[in-house]
Amino acid sequence: MTFAGIATSLARTYYPSDEALRHSWENARYMRNDLVVTEPLEHRQRTCALLDWFVEPEDPQDREAQQLASEVERLLRRIPRFVQLRENLLHAIWYGRYAVQLRYEWKRIGGALRLVPVQWKPIHGDKLAFRWDDPLGPPRDGKVGIRVSPTAYAAGARVQGKWLVEKVRDHLEPTQWGLAYFLDAETRKLLLVHQHLIEDGEFEDPLSADRVHGVGIRSRVYWTWYQKQEALAFLMEFLERSAFGIEIWYYPWGNEEARERVKQAAEERLGEGRNIILVPQPADELPGYNYQRIEPAMAGAETVKEIIEKYFGHLIKRYILGQTLTTEAANTGLGSNLGEIHLNTFLQIVRYDARNLEETLTRDLVEPLVEFNWPELSSRCPLKFRLRTDEPDVEAKLQVLHRAWEMGLRLKAQEVAQLLGVDLPEPGEETLQNPAMAQAAGPQPMGASAPGVDFQPERKLPTGSASTDQEDPQDPFGFPLARLNDMLGSG
């Protein structure tokens, strides 16, 4: 109702609002193969897909939720090619939306049967269809559909028989471009749907209503890319016609036999891209036969090339990456921090993509996984999928932690292990430890803290203190603990 009109079909589905699709489906496909687009786009996708990840509970103090997060993380690490799964979802940056279909199977993990994803397949963003709310129409469960071929459906029905017809028939609905299979509430849990930018369309343009389900970079840069292709066509036409110069062949005026001989000689010498002009020469101008070559002026070609590369190419790259210095060399000046500024701009974009991906994987992967395996905990212990976008300076932080430990501050073993990128050993697992530390600690009872982690030496009084009765609990070492905690960034 927030648009001037309705553009729909019997299925009440949105028309694609992508600018490239609305103008030319062929161009929309060609764009993705243009290296000016592919290079920065894949650079942005890989940077986000390679980020380290973990699962954390919403309540970090809940022991049960912490244990559940550890179990879910173990299941997620069993997913084959999980990095590429995340990279495929990030294709939504270009198309506006993208999906991955999961196949679950029962596997014995850690002595218990768990329902885990064992296979996945990507689903192109342009194959997705979205239904709009129709309060006057019949009730429907699913809002997301996948476009299917009616020919393939008919062929499958002939092979599979009545079983496939009954299984699929109730989910098929017509759209603007053939049939679509709309998922119900249960099958929707097997699909990861990632969306990039979500926005509303213009009131006077009902075809733009589909933007509410995701807009990608393709729609934003299409007309800039189209102009670049036009300029490239001008350049190629110039090279085709003039790159090898213009050859002028002279022959005596009024002598047709001479003209034919010159034409034959020119054709025998003619190669790809050469331009031949036959010019009659007056008899009083000697010699009657002559040859002249005019070299082309390449200044115009260089100008067009500069426009294509530096103007249109950099416009597209800057929109995708936010800058150009992470992929190109440039003179930034001695002592300039311009490179660092460009890197920070790019990292902001990566963090934005990471936050969007976190929400998708939390909603469509982590929550169904908990519901399938621990239904009693799905509402009581909510979990979140997290990507590490701010890697700490491990060496500097470890030095500060070591000084704090020497001062007597009690540290969390789990936080130190996460900083190092390792997991704490489970009871009964084989471990490696400094022999001197192990001998000094002696045998540890089950559940005791690791040597050196909870150790707290005898506190010394601050300088000038007369007795322990005057000790400041907030400042036991002459240094504010609150300030120390702020420096460490830990609890």
Protein backbone atom coordinates (compact mmCIF):
# COMPACT_ATOMS: atom_id res chain seq x y z
CA MET A 1 0.00 0.00 0.00
CA THR A 2 3.03 2.32 0.19
CA PHE A 3 3.41 2.29 -3.60
CA ALA A 4 1.46 4.02 -6.34
CA GLY A 5 0.55 0.70 -7.92
CA ILE A 6 0.97 -3.06 -7.73
CA ALA A 7 3.18 -5.08 -10.06
CA THR A 8 2.64 -8.76 -9.36
CA SER A 9 1.34 -12.07 -10.65
CA LEU A 10 -1.04 -14.75 -9.41
CA ALA A 11 1.58 -15.80 -6.86
CA ARG A 12 1.73 -12.33 -5.28
CA THR A 13 5.51 -12.24 -5.61
CA TYR A 14 7.83 -9.29 -6.00
CA TYR A 15 9.31 -8.39 -9.35
CA PRO A 16 13.14 -8.18 -9.33
CA SER A 17 14.10 -4.59 -8.59
CA ASP A 18 17.78 -4.90 -9.51
CA GLU A 19 18.72 -2.23 -12.09
CA ALA A 20 20.79 -4.71 -14.11
CA LEU A 21 17.96 -7.27 -14.31
CA ARG A 22 15.42 -4.62 -15.23
CA HIS A 23 17.56 -3.43 -18.13
CA SER A 24 19.25 -6.58 -19.43
CA TRP A 25 19.56 -10.09 -18.01
CA GLU A 26 22.54 -10.68 -20.31
CA ASN A 27 24.40 -7.63 -19.05
CA ALA A 28 23.66 -8.65 -15.47
CA ARG A 29 25.44 -11.93 -16.19
CA TYR A 30 28.33 -10.34 -18.09
CA MET A 31 29.06 -7.89 -15.29
CA ARG A 32 30.13 -10.64 -12.90
CA ASN A 33 32.77 -11.80 -15.42
CA ASP A 34 34.31 -8.33 -15.78
CA LEU A 35 37.66 -8.38 -13.95
CA VAL A 36 37.18 -4.74 -12.93
CA VAL A 37 34.28 -6.03 -10.82
CA THR A 38 35.49 -9.54 -9.97
CA GLU A 39 38.86 -8.62 -8.46
CA PRO A 40 37.72 -6.15 -5.74
CA LEU A 41 34.54 -8.12 -5.08
CA GLU A 42 36.35 -11.41 -4.43
CA HIS A 43 38.94 -9.54 -2.36
CA ARG A 44 36.16 -8.22 -0.14
CA GLN A 45 34.48 -11.64 0.10
CA ARG A 46 37.68 -13.53 0.93
CA THR A 47 38.69 -11.05 3.61
CA CYS A 48 35.42 -11.57 5.45
CA ALA A 49 35.20 -15.33 4.82
CA LEU A 50 38.69 -15.94 6.26
CA LEU A 51 37.93 -14.25 9.58
CA ASP A 52 38.19 -16.53 12.57
CA TRP A 53 34.89 -17.28 14.27
CA PHE A 54 33.39 -18.63 17.50
CA VAL A 55 30.03 -19.19 19.17
CA GLU A 56 29.21 -17.29 22.33
CA PRO A 57 26.19 -17.23 24.67
CA GLU A 58 24.22 -14.06 25.14
CA ASP A 59 24.82 -14.44 28.88
CA PRO A 60 28.58 -15.02 29.33
CA GLN A 61 28.05 -15.89 33.02
CA ASP A 62 25.71 -18.80 32.27
CA ARG A 63 27.76 -22.00 32.63
CA GLU A 64 25.16 -24.11 30.85
CA ALA A 65 25.08 -21.69 27.93
CA GLN A 66 28.87 -21.69 27.75
CA GLN A 67 28.95 -25.47 27.53
CA LEU A 68 26.21 -25.42 24.87
CA ALA A 69 28.19 -22.86 22.85
CA SER A 70 31.24 -25.12 22.97
CA GLU A 71 29.19 -28.11 21.72
CA VAL A 72 27.60 -26.10 18.91
CA GLU A 73 31.01 -24.81 17.85
CA ARG A 74 32.24 -28.39 17.67
CA LEU A 75 29.33 -29.31 15.38
CA LEU A 76 29.90 -26.31 13.13
CA ARG A 77 33.54 -27.28 12.65
CA ARG A 78 32.33 -30.57 11.19
CA ILE A 79 30.65 -28.78 8.28
CA PRO A 80 32.67 -29.49 5.12
CA ARG A 81 34.33 -26.47 3.50
CA PHE A 82 32.78 -24.09 5.98
CA VAL A 83 34.94 -21.21 4.70
CA GLN A 84 33.46 -21.58 1.22
CA LEU A 85 29.98 -21.81 2.67
CA ARG A 86 30.46 -18.39 4.22
CA GLU A 87 32.05 -17.10 1.02
CA ASN A 88 29.02 -18.24 -0.99
CA LEU A 89 26.66 -16.44 1.36
CA LEU A 90 28.75 -13.31 0.80
CA HIS A 91 27.78 -13.39 -2.88
CA ALA A 92 24.78 -11.46 -1.55
CA ILE A 93 27.09 -8.44 -1.52
CA TRP A 94 26.84 -8.47 -5.32
CA TYR A 95 23.40 -9.95 -6.00
CA GLY A 96 21.59 -8.53 -2.97
CA ARG A 97 20.61 -11.98 -1.68
CA TYR A 98 22.08 -15.48 -1.81
CA ALA A 99 21.24 -18.82 -0.22
CA VAL A 100 22.82 -22.10 0.82
CA GLN A 101 20.81 -25.31 1.14
CA LEU A 102 21.84 -27.71 3.93
CA ARG A 103 21.49 -31.46 4.20
CA TYR A 104 21.45 -32.88 7.74
CA GLU A 105 22.36 -36.37 8.91
CA TRP A 106 22.75 -38.10 12.25
CA LYS A 107 26.39 -38.43 13.33
CA ARG A 108 27.94 -39.71 16.54
CA ILE A 109 29.98 -36.85 17.97
CA GLY A 110 31.52 -36.97 21.42
CA GLY A 111 29.66 -40.15 22.29
CA ALA A 112 26.21 -38.75 21.39
CA LEU A 113 24.09 -38.76 18.26
CA ARG A 114 23.81 -35.29 16.76
CA LEU A 115 21.96 -33.98 13.74
CA VAL A 116 24.59 -32.03 11.81
CA PRO A 117 24.95 -30.55 8.29
CA VAL A 118 26.98 -32.98 6.17
CA GLN A 119 26.46 -31.38 2.76
CA TRP A 120 25.53 -28.01 1.33
CA LYS A 121 24.81 -26.51 -2.06
CA PRO A 122 24.66 -22.84 -3.07
CA ILE A 123 21.52 -21.29 -4.54
CA HIS A 124 21.97 -18.32 -6.84
CA GLY A 125 20.39 -15.11 -5.57
CA ASP A 126 18.45 -14.57 -8.81
CA LYS A 127 16.72 -17.94 -8.28
CA LEU A 128 15.10 -16.72 -5.07
CA ALA A 129 11.54 -15.41 -5.12
CA PHE A 130 9.82 -13.55 -2.29
CA ARG A 131 6.09 -13.39 -1.67
CA TRP A 132 4.46 -10.21 -0.42
CA ASP A 133 1.83 -10.19 2.29
CA ASP A 134 -1.70 -10.57 0.96
CA PRO A 135 -4.28 -10.37 3.76
CA LEU A 136 -7.08 -11.12 1.29
CA GLY A 137 -5.45 -14.22 -0.17
CA PRO A 138 -5.22 -17.78 1.17
CA PRO A 139 -2.97 -18.37 4.22
CA ARG A 140 0.56 -19.38 3.31
CA ASP A 141 3.49 -20.48 5.44
CA GLY A 142 6.53 -19.65 3.37
CA LYS A 143 7.71 -16.26 2.18
CA VAL A 144 10.82 -17.55 0.37
CA GLY A 145 10.67 -19.54 -2.84
CA ILE A 146 13.16 -21.05 -5.27
CA ARG A 147 12.51 -20.81 -9.00
CA VAL A 148 12.28 -24.22 -10.68
CA SER A 149 11.87 -25.42 -14.23
CA PRO A 150 8.43 -26.82 -15.12
CA THR A 151 10.11 -29.05 -17.72
CA ALA A 152 12.45 -30.54 -15.11
CA TYR A 153 9.52 -30.97 -12.72
CA ALA A 154 7.54 -32.84 -15.36
CA ALA A 155 10.53 -35.06 -16.18
CA GLY A 156 11.09 -35.79 -12.49
CA ALA A 157 7.42 -36.63 -12.06
CA ARG A 158 7.66 -39.20 -14.85
CA VAL A 159 10.66 -40.81 -13.18
CA GLN A 160 9.60 -40.59 -9.54
CA GLY A 161 5.91 -41.01 -10.21
CA LYS A 162 3.12 -40.04 -7.88
CA TRP A 163 5.44 -39.59 -4.89
CA LEU A 164 7.17 -36.51 -6.32
CA VAL A 165 3.94 -35.01 -7.61
CA GLU A 166 2.27 -35.17 -4.20
CA LYS A 167 5.39 -33.99 -2.38
CA VAL A 168 6.04 -30.95 -4.56
CA ARG A 169 2.65 -30.01 -6.01
CA ASP A 170 1.33 -28.07 -3.03
CA HIS A 171 4.50 -25.95 -2.84
CA LEU A 172 4.63 -24.88 -6.51
CA GLU A 173 3.21 -21.53 -7.51
CA PRO A 174 3.48 -19.49 -10.72
CA THR A 175 5.63 -16.35 -10.74
CA GLN A 176 6.55 -13.83 -13.42
CA TRP A 177 9.22 -16.22 -14.75
CA GLY A 178 7.82 -19.72 -14.36
CA LEU A 179 7.19 -21.83 -11.29
CA ALA A 180 8.71 -21.39 -7.85
CA TYR A 181 8.91 -23.84 -4.96
CA PHE A 182 7.91 -22.02 -1.76
CA LEU A 183 9.31 -23.45 1.45
CA ASP A 184 7.13 -24.12 4.45
CA ALA A 185 8.18 -23.42 8.04
CA GLU A 186 10.05 -26.72 8.43
CA THR A 187 11.93 -26.78 5.13
CA ARG A 188 12.86 -23.13 5.64
CA LYS A 189 15.13 -24.29 8.47
CA LEU A 190 17.28 -26.11 5.90
CA LEU A 191 18.03 -22.90 4.00
CA LEU A 192 20.48 -20.11 4.83
CA VAL A 193 19.36 -16.87 3.19
CA HIS A 194 21.77 -13.93 3.37
CA GLN A 195 20.74 -10.41 2.38
CA HIS A 196 22.97 -7.39 1.83
CA LEU A 197 21.31 -3.96 1.90
CA ILE A 198 17.66 -3.80 2.93
CA GLU A 199 15.78 -0.68 1.90
CA ASP A 200 12.43 0.55 0.66
CA GLY A 201 11.65 1.50 -2.92
CA GLU A 202 10.33 4.73 -4.40
CA PHE A 203 6.59 5.40 -4.14
CA GLU A 204 6.18 6.00 -7.87
CA ASP A 205 8.10 2.83 -8.83
CA PRO A 206 6.27 -0.36 -7.76
CA LEU A 207 9.00 -2.49 -9.36
CA SER A 208 11.44 -1.25 -6.71
CA ALA A 209 9.44 -2.86 -3.87
CA ASP A 210 11.67 -5.96 -3.98
CA ARG A 211 14.52 -3.97 -2.41
CA VAL A 212 13.09 -4.81 0.98
CA HIS A 213 14.53 -8.30 0.47
CA GLY A 214 18.03 -7.19 -0.44
CA VAL A 215 19.89 -4.88 -2.80
CA GLY A 216 23.40 -5.64 -4.00
CA ILE A 217 26.34 -3.79 -5.50
CA ARG A 218 25.26 -4.95 -8.96
CA SER A 219 22.22 -2.69 -8.87
CA ARG A 220 24.28 0.26 -7.62
CA VAL A 221 27.10 0.18 -10.18
CA TYR A 222 25.19 -1.07 -13.23
CA TRP A 223 24.87 2.22 -15.09
CA THR A 224 28.47 3.20 -14.31
CA TRP A 225 29.58 -0.17 -15.67
CA TYR A 226 27.34 0.33 -18.72
CA GLN A 227 29.01 3.66 -19.48
CA LYS A 228 32.41 2.02 -19.09
CA GLN A 229 31.45 -0.60 -21.66
CA GLU A 230 30.33 2.12 -24.05
CA ALA A 231 33.69 3.89 -23.70
CA LEU A 232 35.47 0.56 -24.19
CA ALA A 233 33.48 0.03 -27.42
CA PHE A 234 34.65 3.44 -28.67
CA LEU A 235 38.25 2.52 -27.90
CA MET A 236 38.06 -0.85 -29.64
CA GLU A 237 36.46 0.74 -32.68
CA PHE A 238 39.29 3.26 -32.88
CA LEU A 239 41.90 0.51 -32.61
CA GLU A 240 40.15 -1.56 -35.23
CA ARG A 241 39.99 1.27 -37.74
CA SER A 242 43.13 3.26 -37.09
CA ALA A 243 45.60 1.40 -34.87
CA PHE A 244 47.75 0.15 -37.80
CA GLY A 245 47.62 3.44 -39.63
CA ILE A 246 46.14 4.42 -43.00
CA GLU A 247 47.85 3.34 -46.23
CA ILE A 248 47.38 5.49 -49.35
CA TRP A 249 48.17 3.84 -52.70
CA TYR A 250 48.50 6.17 -55.69
CA TYR A 251 47.98 5.17 -59.36
CA PRO A 252 47.90 7.14 -62.65
CA TRP A 253 44.71 9.04 -63.23
CA GLY A 254 42.42 7.52 -65.83
CA ASN A 255 44.33 4.24 -66.10
CA GLU A 256 41.93 1.47 -65.05
CA GLU A 257 44.50 -1.24 -65.67
CA ALA A 258 46.90 0.50 -63.31
CA ARG A 259 44.15 0.83 -60.72
CA GLU A 260 43.45 -2.90 -60.79
CA ARG A 261 47.15 -3.73 -60.42
CA VAL A 262 47.48 -1.38 -57.43
CA LYS A 263 44.33 -2.79 -55.85
CA GLN A 264 45.63 -6.35 -56.26
CA ALA A 265 48.97 -5.41 -54.70
CA ALA A 266 47.24 -3.70 -51.79
CA GLU A 267 44.96 -6.68 -51.14
CA GLU A 268 47.89 -9.10 -51.18
CA ARG A 269 49.60 -6.96 -48.56
CA LEU A 270 46.42 -6.29 -46.63
CA GLY A 271 46.36 -7.59 -43.04
CA GLU A 272 43.98 -7.41 -40.08
CA GLY A 273 43.13 -3.88 -39.06
CA ARG A 274 44.75 -2.15 -42.08
CA ASN A 275 42.93 0.61 -43.89
CA ILE A 276 43.66 1.00 -47.61
CA ILE A 277 42.76 4.04 -49.71
CA LEU A 278 43.29 4.06 -53.50
CA VAL A 279 43.93 7.60 -54.83
CA PRO A 280 44.30 8.56 -58.52
CA GLN A 281 47.20 10.88 -59.25
CA PRO A 282 47.29 13.34 -62.19
CA ALA A 283 49.62 12.37 -65.03
CA ASP A 284 51.67 15.56 -64.72
CA GLU A 285 52.60 14.65 -61.14
CA LEU A 286 55.42 12.11 -61.17
CA PRO A 287 55.76 9.38 -60.29
CA GLY A 288 52.38 7.92 -61.20
CA TYR A 289 52.68 5.09 -58.69
CA ASN A 290 53.30 5.96 -55.07
CA TYR A 291 52.69 4.69 -51.53
CA GLN A 292 52.16 6.66 -48.34
CA ARG A 293 51.47 5.58 -44.75
CA ILE A 294 49.82 7.90 -42.20
CA GLU A 295 50.48 6.94 -38.59
CA PRO A 296 47.52 7.41 -36.22
CA ALA A 297 47.56 9.89 -33.36
CA MET A 298 47.29 7.76 -30.19
CA ALA A 299 46.62 10.67 -27.86
CA GLY A 300 42.87 10.15 -28.25
CA ALA A 301 43.18 6.44 -27.51
CA GLU A 302 45.24 7.16 -24.38
CA THR A 303 42.61 9.61 -23.19
CA VAL A 304 39.80 7.07 -23.62
CA LYS A 305 41.92 4.40 -21.92
CA GLU A 306 42.53 6.75 -19.00
CA ILE A 307 38.80 7.40 -18.67
CA ILE A 308 38.01 3.69 -18.69
CA GLU A 309 40.72 2.71 -16.21
CA LYS A 310 41.05 5.67 -13.87
CA TYR A 311 37.56 7.09 -13.92
CA PHE A 312 35.03 4.30 -14.43
CA GLY A 313 37.28 1.51 -13.11
CA HIS A 314 38.20 3.38 -9.94
CA LEU A 315 34.62 4.49 -9.39
CA ILE A 316 33.53 0.83 -9.30
CA LYS A 317 36.50 -0.29 -7.20
CA ARG A 318 36.09 2.52 -4.68
CA TYR A 319 32.44 1.69 -4.23
CA ILE A 320 33.20 -2.00 -3.62
CA LEU A 321 36.28 -1.58 -1.41
CA GLY A 322 35.92 2.00 -0.20
CA GLN A 323 39.42 2.83 -1.52
CA THR A 324 42.07 1.57 -3.96
CA LEU A 325 45.37 1.39 -2.05
CA THR A 326 44.75 -2.14 -0.70
CA THR A 327 44.88 -3.49 -4.27
CA GLU A 328 46.93 -0.90 -6.18
CA ALA A 329 50.25 0.86 -5.67
CA ALA A 330 50.18 4.65 -5.51
CA ASN A 331 52.41 7.51 -4.45
CA THR A 332 51.20 8.63 -1.02
CA GLY A 333 54.09 10.91 -0.13
CA LEU A 334 56.91 10.47 2.38
CA GLY A 335 55.65 10.09 5.94
CA SER A 336 52.00 10.11 4.88
CA ASN A 337 49.51 7.92 6.73
CA LEU A 338 47.20 7.77 3.72
CA GLY A 339 47.76 4.02 3.36
CA GLU A 340 46.64 3.45 6.94
CA ILE A 341 43.55 5.60 6.37
CA HIS A 342 42.64 3.56 3.29
CA LEU A 343 43.16 0.32 5.22
CA ASN A 344 40.90 1.51 8.05
CA THR A 345 38.23 2.40 5.50
CA PHE A 346 38.40 -1.09 4.02
CA LEU A 347 38.30 -2.72 7.46
CA GLN A 348 35.13 -0.78 8.28
CA ILE A 349 33.48 -2.35 5.23
CA VAL A 350 34.71 -5.80 6.29
CA ARG A 351 33.29 -5.30 9.77
CA TYR A 352 29.95 -4.28 8.25
CA ASP A 353 29.85 -7.45 6.12
CA ALA A 354 30.88 -9.53 9.12
CA ARG A 355 28.07 -8.17 11.30
CA ASN A 356 25.49 -8.94 8.61
CA LEU A 357 26.87 -12.45 8.15
CA GLU A 358 26.83 -13.05 11.90
CA GLU A 359 23.11 -12.35 12.08
CA THR A 360 22.35 -14.65 9.14
CA LEU A 361 24.38 -17.57 10.53
CA THR A 362 22.92 -17.06 13.99
CA ARG A 363 19.33 -17.07 12.71
CA ASP A 364 19.53 -19.73 9.99
CA LEU A 365 22.31 -22.03 11.23
CA VAL A 366 23.01 -21.83 14.96
CA GLU A 367 19.40 -21.53 16.14
CA PRO A 368 18.09 -24.49 14.04
CA LEU A 369 21.11 -26.56 15.07
CA VAL A 370 20.31 -26.00 18.75
CA GLU A 371 16.61 -26.64 18.14
CA PHE A 372 17.36 -29.96 16.40
CA ASN A 373 19.77 -31.29 19.03
CA TRP A 374 18.91 -29.50 22.30
CA PRO A 375 15.27 -28.39 21.96
CA GLU A 376 14.94 -27.85 25.70
CA LEU A 377 17.77 -25.28 25.60
CA SER A 378 16.85 -23.42 22.42
CA SER A 379 14.93 -20.69 24.22
CA ARG A 380 16.73 -20.81 27.56
CA CYS A 381 20.31 -20.48 26.26
CA PRO A 382 20.38 -18.23 23.18
CA LEU A 383 23.68 -18.31 21.29
CA LYS A 384 25.32 -16.00 18.77
CA PHE A 385 27.70 -16.69 15.90
CA ARG A 386 30.62 -14.26 16.05
CA LEU A 387 33.43 -13.29 13.64
CA ARG A 388 36.69 -11.88 14.96
CA THR A 389 37.02 -8.55 13.17
CA ASP A 390 39.40 -6.93 15.67
CA GLU A 391 42.41 -9.14 16.20
CA PRO A 392 44.32 -8.10 19.35
CA ASP A 393 48.05 -7.49 19.50
CA VAL A 394 48.73 -10.86 21.15
CA GLU A 395 52.35 -10.27 22.10
CA ALA A 396 51.74 -6.86 23.69
CA LYS A 397 48.69 -8.06 25.58
CA LEU A 398 50.49 -11.16 26.86
CA GLN A 399 53.25 -8.95 28.25
CA VAL A 400 50.68 -6.87 30.13
CA LEU A 401 48.96 -10.02 31.37
CA HIS A 402 52.27 -11.42 32.61
CA ARG A 403 53.01 -8.24 34.54
CA ALA A 404 49.53 -8.31 36.02
CA TRP A 405 50.01 -11.96 37.03
CA GLU A 406 53.29 -11.09 38.72
CA MET A 407 51.45 -8.37 40.62
CA GLY A 408 48.98 -10.95 41.89
CA LEU A 409 45.97 -10.36 39.65
CA ARG A 410 43.87 -13.49 39.13
CA LEU A 411 43.34 -14.23 35.43
CA LYS A 412 40.74 -16.28 33.58
CA ALA A 413 42.33 -19.32 31.96
CA GLN A 414 39.73 -19.37 29.19
CA GLU A 415 40.47 -15.76 28.21
CA VAL A 416 44.21 -16.38 28.02
CA ALA A 417 43.59 -19.49 25.91
CA GLN A 418 41.34 -17.56 23.53
CA LEU A 419 44.00 -14.87 23.19
CA LEU A 420 46.52 -17.54 22.20
CA GLY A 421 44.02 -19.18 19.85
CA VAL A 422 44.04 -22.56 21.65
CA ASP A 423 41.46 -24.62 23.54
CA LEU A 424 41.76 -25.70 27.14
CA PRO A 425 42.21 -29.48 27.49
CA GLU A 426 39.24 -31.60 28.43
CA PRO A 427 39.52 -34.03 31.38
CA GLY A 428 41.39 -37.15 30.28
CA GLU A 429 43.00 -35.56 27.20
CA GLU A 430 46.74 -35.86 26.68
CA THR A 431 48.49 -32.58 27.46
CA LEU A 432 51.94 -31.02 27.23
CA GLN A 433 53.28 -28.89 30.07
CA ASN A 434 56.52 -27.37 31.23
CA PRO A 435 58.06 -30.14 33.44
CA ALA A 436 59.31 -27.60 35.97
CA MET A 437 55.83 -26.10 36.37
CA ALA A 438 54.20 -29.51 36.58
CA GLN A 439 56.64 -30.70 39.26
CA ALA A 440 56.26 -27.51 41.27
CA ALA A 441 52.47 -27.71 41.17
CA GLY A 442 52.28 -31.38 42.11
CA PRO A 443 49.24 -33.56 41.44
CA GLN A 444 46.07 -31.55 40.83
CA PRO A 445 42.64 -32.73 41.97
CA MET A 446 39.91 -33.07 39.35
CA GLY A 447 38.53 -29.66 38.41
CA ALA A 448 41.43 -27.73 39.98
CA SER A 449 42.82 -24.77 38.15
CA ALA A 450 45.87 -25.12 35.97
CA PRO A 451 49.23 -24.27 37.60
CA GLY A 452 50.17 -20.65 37.31
CA VAL A 453 46.67 -19.43 36.42
CA ASP A 454 44.98 -18.94 39.78
CA PHE A 455 48.26 -18.54 41.67
CA GLN A 456 48.30 -15.38 43.75
CA PRO A 457 51.51 -14.50 45.62
CA GLU A 458 51.55 -12.80 48.99
CA ARG A 459 50.46 -9.22 48.66
CA LYS A 460 52.98 -6.55 49.52
CA LEU A 461 51.95 -3.34 51.13
CA PRO A 462 52.09 -0.17 49.11
CA THR A 463 55.00 2.11 49.88
CA GLY A 464 54.30 4.12 52.98
CA SER A 465 51.71 1.72 54.42
CA ALA A 466 52.18 0.89 58.10
CA SER A 467 50.06 -2.26 58.41
CA THR A 468 47.61 -4.46 56.56
CA ASP A 469 44.77 -2.66 58.27
CA GLN A 470 45.54 0.37 56.10
CA GLU A 471 45.52 -1.61 52.84
CA ASP A 472 43.21 -0.20 50.18
CA PRO A 473 41.19 -3.09 48.69
CA GLN A 474 40.79 -1.12 45.46
CA ASP A 475 44.52 -0.39 45.22
CA PRO A 476 46.47 -3.30 46.78
CA PHE A 477 49.65 -2.80 44.73
CA GLY A 478 49.81 0.95 44.46
CA PHE A 479 48.06 0.75 41.04
CA PRO A 480 44.28 1.07 40.49
CA LEU A 481 42.79 -2.30 39.52
CA ALA A 482 40.02 -0.63 37.54
CA ARG A 483 42.59 1.12 35.39
CA LEU A 484 44.52 -2.11 34.96
CA ASN A 485 41.37 -3.93 33.85
CA ASP A 486 40.67 -1.18 31.33
CA MET A 487 44.17 -1.56 29.91
CA LEU A 488 43.76 -5.34 29.60
CA GLY A 489 40.26 -5.12 28.20
CA SER A 490 39.24 -8.05 30.43
CA GLY A 491 36.96 -8.75 33.35
